[in-house]
Protein backbone atom coordinates (compact mmCIF):
# COMPACT_ATOMS: atom_id res chain seq x y z
CA MET A 1 -29.93 10.17 15.86
CA ARG A 2 -32.07 11.47 12.72
CA THR A 3 -34.30 9.52 10.23
CA VAL A 4 -33.89 9.56 6.29
CA SER A 5 -37.04 8.08 4.89
CA SER A 6 -36.76 9.94 1.18
CA ARG A 7 -34.66 8.31 -1.74
CA GLU A 8 -33.91 11.49 -2.84
CA ASN A 9 -32.06 12.67 0.27
CA PRO A 10 -28.57 13.77 -0.62
CA LEU A 11 -27.25 11.50 2.13
CA TYR A 12 -29.03 8.55 0.88
CA LYS A 13 -27.85 9.19 -2.64
CA GLU A 14 -24.48 9.23 -1.69
CA LEU A 15 -24.66 6.17 -0.21
CA LYS A 16 -26.50 4.74 -2.99
CA GLN A 17 -23.93 5.48 -5.31
CA LEU A 18 -21.02 3.98 -3.09
CA ALA A 19 -22.94 1.01 -2.53
CA GLY A 20 -23.19 0.28 -6.14
CA SER A 21 -20.16 1.45 -7.69
CA SER A 22 -16.47 0.93 -7.49
CA GLN A 23 -15.64 3.79 -9.45
CA ALA A 24 -17.67 6.11 -7.26
CA ARG A 25 -15.73 4.67 -4.36
CA ARG A 26 -12.73 5.25 -5.92
CA LYS A 27 -13.40 8.78 -6.63
CA ALA A 28 -15.00 9.60 -3.25
CA GLY A 29 -12.06 7.77 -1.46
CA ARG A 30 -14.83 6.18 0.73
CA THR A 31 -16.57 3.03 1.27
CA LEU A 32 -19.30 1.40 3.14
CA LEU A 33 -18.62 -1.48 5.78
CA ASP A 34 -21.80 -3.41 6.01
CA GLY A 35 -22.56 -5.94 9.39
CA VAL A 36 -21.89 -5.89 13.00
CA HIS A 37 -18.66 -7.71 12.63
CA LEU A 38 -16.91 -5.25 10.20
CA CYS A 39 -18.24 -2.34 12.09
CA GLU A 40 -16.87 -3.91 15.35
CA SER A 41 -13.76 -4.76 13.90
CA TYR A 42 -13.42 -0.97 12.53
CA LEU A 43 -14.32 0.60 15.69
CA GLN A 44 -11.67 -1.86 17.63
CA LEU A 45 -8.95 -1.42 15.35
CA ARG A 46 -9.35 1.95 13.69
CA GLY A 47 -11.63 4.15 15.63
CA ALA A 48 -14.78 6.21 14.90
CA PRO A 49 -15.95 6.12 11.57
CA LEU A 50 -17.53 9.06 9.35
CA GLN A 51 -21.55 7.77 9.98
CA CYS A 52 -23.19 5.22 11.19
CA ILE A 53 -26.27 4.16 8.97
CA VAL A 54 -28.57 1.85 10.55
CA ALA A 55 -31.84 -0.01 9.80
CA GLU A 56 -35.09 1.01 11.74
CA GLY A 57 -36.04 -2.53 12.05
CA ALA A 58 -32.53 -3.53 13.53
CA LEU A 59 -32.28 -0.71 16.34
CA ALA A 60 -33.90 -3.30 18.80
CA ASN A 61 -30.71 -5.69 18.28
CA PRO A 62 -28.40 -5.87 21.22
CA GLU A 63 -25.35 -5.75 19.13
CA VAL A 64 -26.64 -2.85 16.76
CA GLY A 65 -27.34 -0.92 20.08
CA ALA A 66 -24.23 -1.39 21.65
CA ILE A 67 -22.70 -0.14 18.69
CA VAL A 68 -24.80 2.98 18.01
CA GLN A 69 -24.24 3.79 21.52
CA ARG A 70 -20.45 3.80 21.16
CA VAL A 71 -20.28 5.97 17.85
CA GLU A 72 -22.68 8.47 19.78
CA GLN A 73 -20.54 8.68 22.54
CA ALA A 74 -17.58 9.51 19.75
CA ARG A 75 -19.89 11.83 18.48
CA VAL A 76 -20.49 10.65 15.24
CA HIS A 77 -23.29 11.19 13.14
CA CYS A 78 -25.72 8.13 13.04
CA THR A 79 -28.80 7.94 10.51
CA ALA A 80 -31.58 5.57 10.58
CA LEU A 81 -33.37 4.36 7.63
CA PRO A 82 -36.59 2.63 6.83
CA ASP A 83 -35.83 -1.07 6.49
CA ALA A 84 -36.82 -0.99 2.62
CA LEU A 85 -34.16 1.88 1.83
CA TYR A 86 -31.60 0.11 3.89
CA LYS A 87 -32.08 -3.25 1.86
CA ALA A 88 -31.56 -1.02 -1.17
CA LEU A 89 -27.88 -0.23 -0.14
CA SER A 90 -26.86 -3.59 1.85
CA GLN A 91 -25.43 -6.22 -0.60
CA VAL A 92 -25.29 -8.83 2.70
CA GLU A 93 -28.25 -11.33 2.46
CA HIS A 94 -30.22 -11.63 5.55
CA GLY A 95 -27.93 -8.98 7.17
CA VAL A 96 -28.29 -7.71 10.67
CA GLY A 97 -28.87 -3.94 9.47
CA ILE A 98 -25.81 -1.49 10.52
CA MET A 99 -23.17 -0.11 8.47
CA PHE A 100 -20.47 2.41 8.60
CA LEU A 101 -19.47 5.07 5.98
CA ILE A 102 -15.67 5.54 6.31
CA ASP A 103 -12.75 6.78 4.25
CA THR A 104 -10.53 4.53 2.32
CA PRO A 105 -6.89 5.18 3.42
CA THR A 106 -4.34 6.30 0.84
CA ARG A 107 -0.97 5.45 1.25
CA ALA A 108 2.44 6.22 -0.47
CA VAL A 109 4.09 3.38 -1.72
CA PRO A 110 7.59 2.96 -0.05
CA GLY A 111 10.67 3.20 -2.08
CA VAL A 112 11.87 -0.48 -1.30
CA LEU A 113 10.42 -3.66 0.00
CA ARG A 114 12.26 -4.78 3.26
CA ALA A 115 9.22 -6.40 5.15
CA SER A 116 7.21 -9.61 4.04
CA ALA A 117 4.75 -8.63 1.77
CA VAL A 118 2.09 -9.77 -0.86
CA LEU A 119 2.23 -8.65 -4.33
CA LEU A 120 -1.19 -9.52 -6.38
CA ASP A 121 -1.08 -9.23 -10.36
CA ASN A 122 -4.10 -8.63 -11.83
CA LEU A 123 -6.52 -10.73 -9.33
CA GLN A 124 -9.88 -10.43 -10.46
CA ASP A 125 -12.11 -12.07 -8.24
CA PRO A 126 -13.10 -10.15 -4.81
CA GLY A 127 -13.37 -13.49 -2.88
CA ASN A 128 -9.70 -14.14 -3.73
CA VAL A 129 -8.66 -11.01 -2.97
CA GLY A 130 -10.38 -10.63 0.39
CA SER A 131 -9.30 -14.31 1.63
CA ILE A 132 -5.68 -13.57 0.63
CA LEU A 133 -6.06 -10.70 2.83
CA ARG A 134 -7.44 -12.16 5.67
CA SER A 135 -4.79 -15.11 5.31
CA ALA A 136 -2.08 -12.53 5.51
CA ALA A 137 -3.10 -10.68 8.34
CA ALA A 138 -3.47 -14.16 10.26
CA ALA A 139 -0.06 -15.02 9.32
CA GLY A 140 1.37 -11.78 10.15
CA VAL A 141 2.13 -10.74 6.77
CA THR A 142 1.19 -6.96 6.77
CA GLN A 143 1.78 -5.21 3.70
CA VAL A 144 -0.31 -5.64 0.46
CA TYR A 145 0.51 -4.38 -2.92
CA CYS A 146 -2.24 -4.86 -5.85
CA SER A 147 -1.62 -3.83 -9.29
CA SER A 148 -4.12 -1.60 -11.34
CA GLY A 149 -5.60 -4.86 -12.75
CA THR A 150 -6.43 -6.33 -9.08
CA ALA A 151 -9.89 -6.07 -8.00
CA PHE A 152 -10.80 -3.10 -5.52
CA CYS A 153 -9.85 -3.97 -1.95
CA TRP A 154 -12.53 -1.66 -0.62
CA SER A 155 -15.41 -2.61 -2.57
CA PRO A 156 -18.06 -5.06 -0.66
CA LYS A 157 -17.31 -8.31 -1.79
CA VAL A 158 -13.50 -8.07 -0.76
CA LEU A 159 -14.52 -6.39 2.89
CA ARG A 160 -16.73 -9.28 3.36
CA ALA A 161 -14.45 -12.19 2.46
CA ALA A 162 -11.47 -10.34 4.38
CA MET A 163 -13.52 -10.54 7.88
CA GLY A 164 -11.97 -7.33 9.21
CA ALA A 165 -7.94 -7.90 7.73
CA HIS A 166 -8.37 -4.51 5.82
CA PHE A 167 -7.91 -3.00 9.35
CA VAL A 168 -4.60 -4.95 10.20
CA VAL A 169 -2.75 -4.75 7.11
CA GLU A 170 -1.34 -1.90 4.82
CA ILE A 171 -3.04 -2.15 1.64
CA TYR A 172 -1.44 -0.10 -1.35
CA GLU A 173 -3.36 -0.26 -5.01
CA ASN A 174 -2.73 0.87 -8.52
CA VAL A 175 1.28 -0.36 -7.82
CA ASP A 176 3.89 -0.66 -10.54
CA LEU A 177 4.81 -4.05 -9.25
CA ALA A 178 7.43 -4.30 -11.94
CA ALA A 179 9.16 -1.51 -10.24
CA LEU A 180 8.85 -2.84 -6.81
CA VAL A 181 10.26 -6.14 -7.57
CA ARG A 182 13.19 -4.66 -9.46
CA ASP A 183 14.05 -2.54 -6.47
CA ALA A 184 13.30 -5.34 -3.91
CA ALA A 185 15.86 -5.66 -1.05
CA ILE A 186 14.47 -9.02 -0.13
CA ALA A 187 13.49 -12.00 -2.35
CA VAL A 188 10.50 -11.98 -4.29
CA LEU A 189 9.25 -15.52 -4.69
CA ALA A 190 6.37 -15.99 -7.80
CA THR A 191 4.20 -18.80 -7.23
CA SER A 192 4.02 -21.05 -10.89
CA GLY A 193 2.47 -24.38 -11.67
CA TYR A 194 5.68 -24.65 -14.19
CA ALA A 195 8.33 -23.98 -11.45
CA THR A 196 10.55 -27.02 -10.25
CA ARG A 197 11.35 -25.54 -6.94
CA ARG A 198 9.08 -26.93 -4.37
CA LEU A 199 7.79 -24.41 -1.26
CA TYR A 200 8.76 -26.78 1.33
CA ASP A 201 12.70 -26.85 0.31
CA LEU A 202 13.06 -22.94 0.71
CA ASP A 203 14.32 -20.92 3.63
CA LEU A 204 11.52 -18.64 4.73
CA ARG A 205 13.15 -17.37 7.80
CA GLN A 206 13.93 -14.16 6.43
CA PRO A 207 11.25 -11.47 5.14
CA VAL A 208 10.17 -12.57 1.60
CA ALA A 209 7.61 -11.13 -0.94
CA TRP A 210 4.90 -13.21 -2.06
CA LEU A 211 3.84 -12.79 -5.77
CA PHE A 212 0.66 -14.27 -7.11
CA GLY A 213 -0.94 -13.73 -10.41
CA HIS A 214 -4.52 -14.14 -12.15
CA GLU A 215 -6.49 -16.86 -11.54
CA GLY A 216 -6.32 -18.41 -14.84
CA GLN A 217 -2.97 -16.96 -16.42
CA GLY A 218 -0.90 -17.00 -13.12
CA VAL A 219 1.74 -14.32 -12.66
CA ALA A 220 2.69 -12.11 -15.73
CA ASP A 221 5.93 -13.26 -17.71
CA ASP A 222 7.48 -9.97 -17.11
CA LEU A 223 7.02 -10.28 -13.74
CA LEU A 224 8.20 -13.82 -13.59
CA ALA A 225 11.38 -12.87 -15.11
CA LEU A 226 11.86 -10.03 -12.59
CA ALA A 227 11.24 -12.67 -9.44
CA SER A 228 14.07 -14.01 -7.43
CA ASP A 229 12.78 -17.30 -7.86
CA GLN A 230 9.68 -19.09 -8.89
CA VAL A 231 8.06 -21.80 -6.63
CA VAL A 232 5.39 -24.55 -6.66
CA ILE A 233 3.40 -26.34 -4.08
CA PRO A 234 3.20 -30.00 -4.97
CA HIS A 235 0.04 -31.85 -4.64
CA LEU A 236 -1.53 -34.96 -5.37
CA GLY A 237 -4.31 -36.14 -7.01
CA GLN A 238 -6.12 -35.36 -10.81
CA ILE A 239 -6.38 -31.41 -9.86
CA GLU A 240 -4.09 -29.12 -12.21
CA SER A 241 -3.30 -26.54 -9.64
CA LEU A 242 -4.68 -25.31 -6.41
CA ASN A 243 -7.05 -21.86 -6.21
CA VAL A 244 -4.59 -18.50 -5.89
CA ALA A 245 -5.95 -17.90 -2.40
CA ALA A 246 -5.50 -21.50 -1.06
CA CYS A 247 -1.88 -21.21 -2.45
CA ALA A 248 -1.46 -17.81 -0.76
CA ALA A 249 -2.36 -19.48 2.60
CA VAL A 250 -0.14 -22.49 2.21
CA CYS A 251 2.81 -20.14 1.43
CA PHE A 252 2.13 -17.79 3.96
CA PHE A 253 1.52 -20.40 6.76
CA GLU A 254 4.53 -22.23 5.91
CA GLN A 255 6.71 -19.26 6.39
CA LEU A 256 4.50 -18.83 9.68
CA ARG A 257 5.49 -22.35 10.64
CA GLN A 258 9.29 -22.06 9.76
CA ASN A 259 9.45 -18.64 11.73
CA GLN A 260 8.08 -20.27 15.00
CA SER A 261 10.18 -23.27 14.71
CA VAL A 262 13.13 -20.95 14.95
CA GLU A 263 11.41 -19.39 17.85
CA THR A 264 10.87 -22.48 20.00
CA SER A 265 14.16 -24.27 19.33
């Protein structure tokens, strides 16, 4: 393990850029995983990172020590930073003090949608995007397609909200959703507060693609027109609509419920 103590160090400068800029992360094709949970999930599901960065004050932590030992055994470079330099990188308040540098996956968009999927049209809140990824992974929906206006999935806030879902699902970004919907081999269901067909009246025992839109404006009109159906989640009370992440979770787990009821019948 080497120690970097200067803010002028080239590695530290690179890490600082990646920590603070989505543009830098997109350009480099790299991002930072901050915290024990994300690092452990990556090791378990994807393998060794490019580099491991640890705060000097965290080296005595047993969880951090175990991760450092695993990555060193895998011949991964580990770098220790003084606590002050590490905190300038980290966006996790009261974090433990370990992060991984990783490549962000790049995938070619499949020609035709055939498996259950999530389509995100211009969702801008990183917390919502991360929560949807987490719910999708938990419900067994493993393909996520994001329009160019959707929050960058490999940003720190999305990563924290998704809690490791990035390493379970396949994420495609800057996707032409209209072309994807137009050519889909499965039903594409768009959620809309103005729809008349209830979610619970649908047969979800076959693969479907779920289309969710902007937090305030919903799914764009051109995509709504292309969708196989528009659905609404019925609710009571004075609230106008559900948060998009909550809406997505209800949809995914209604699909899971229907499929599990078929398996047990």
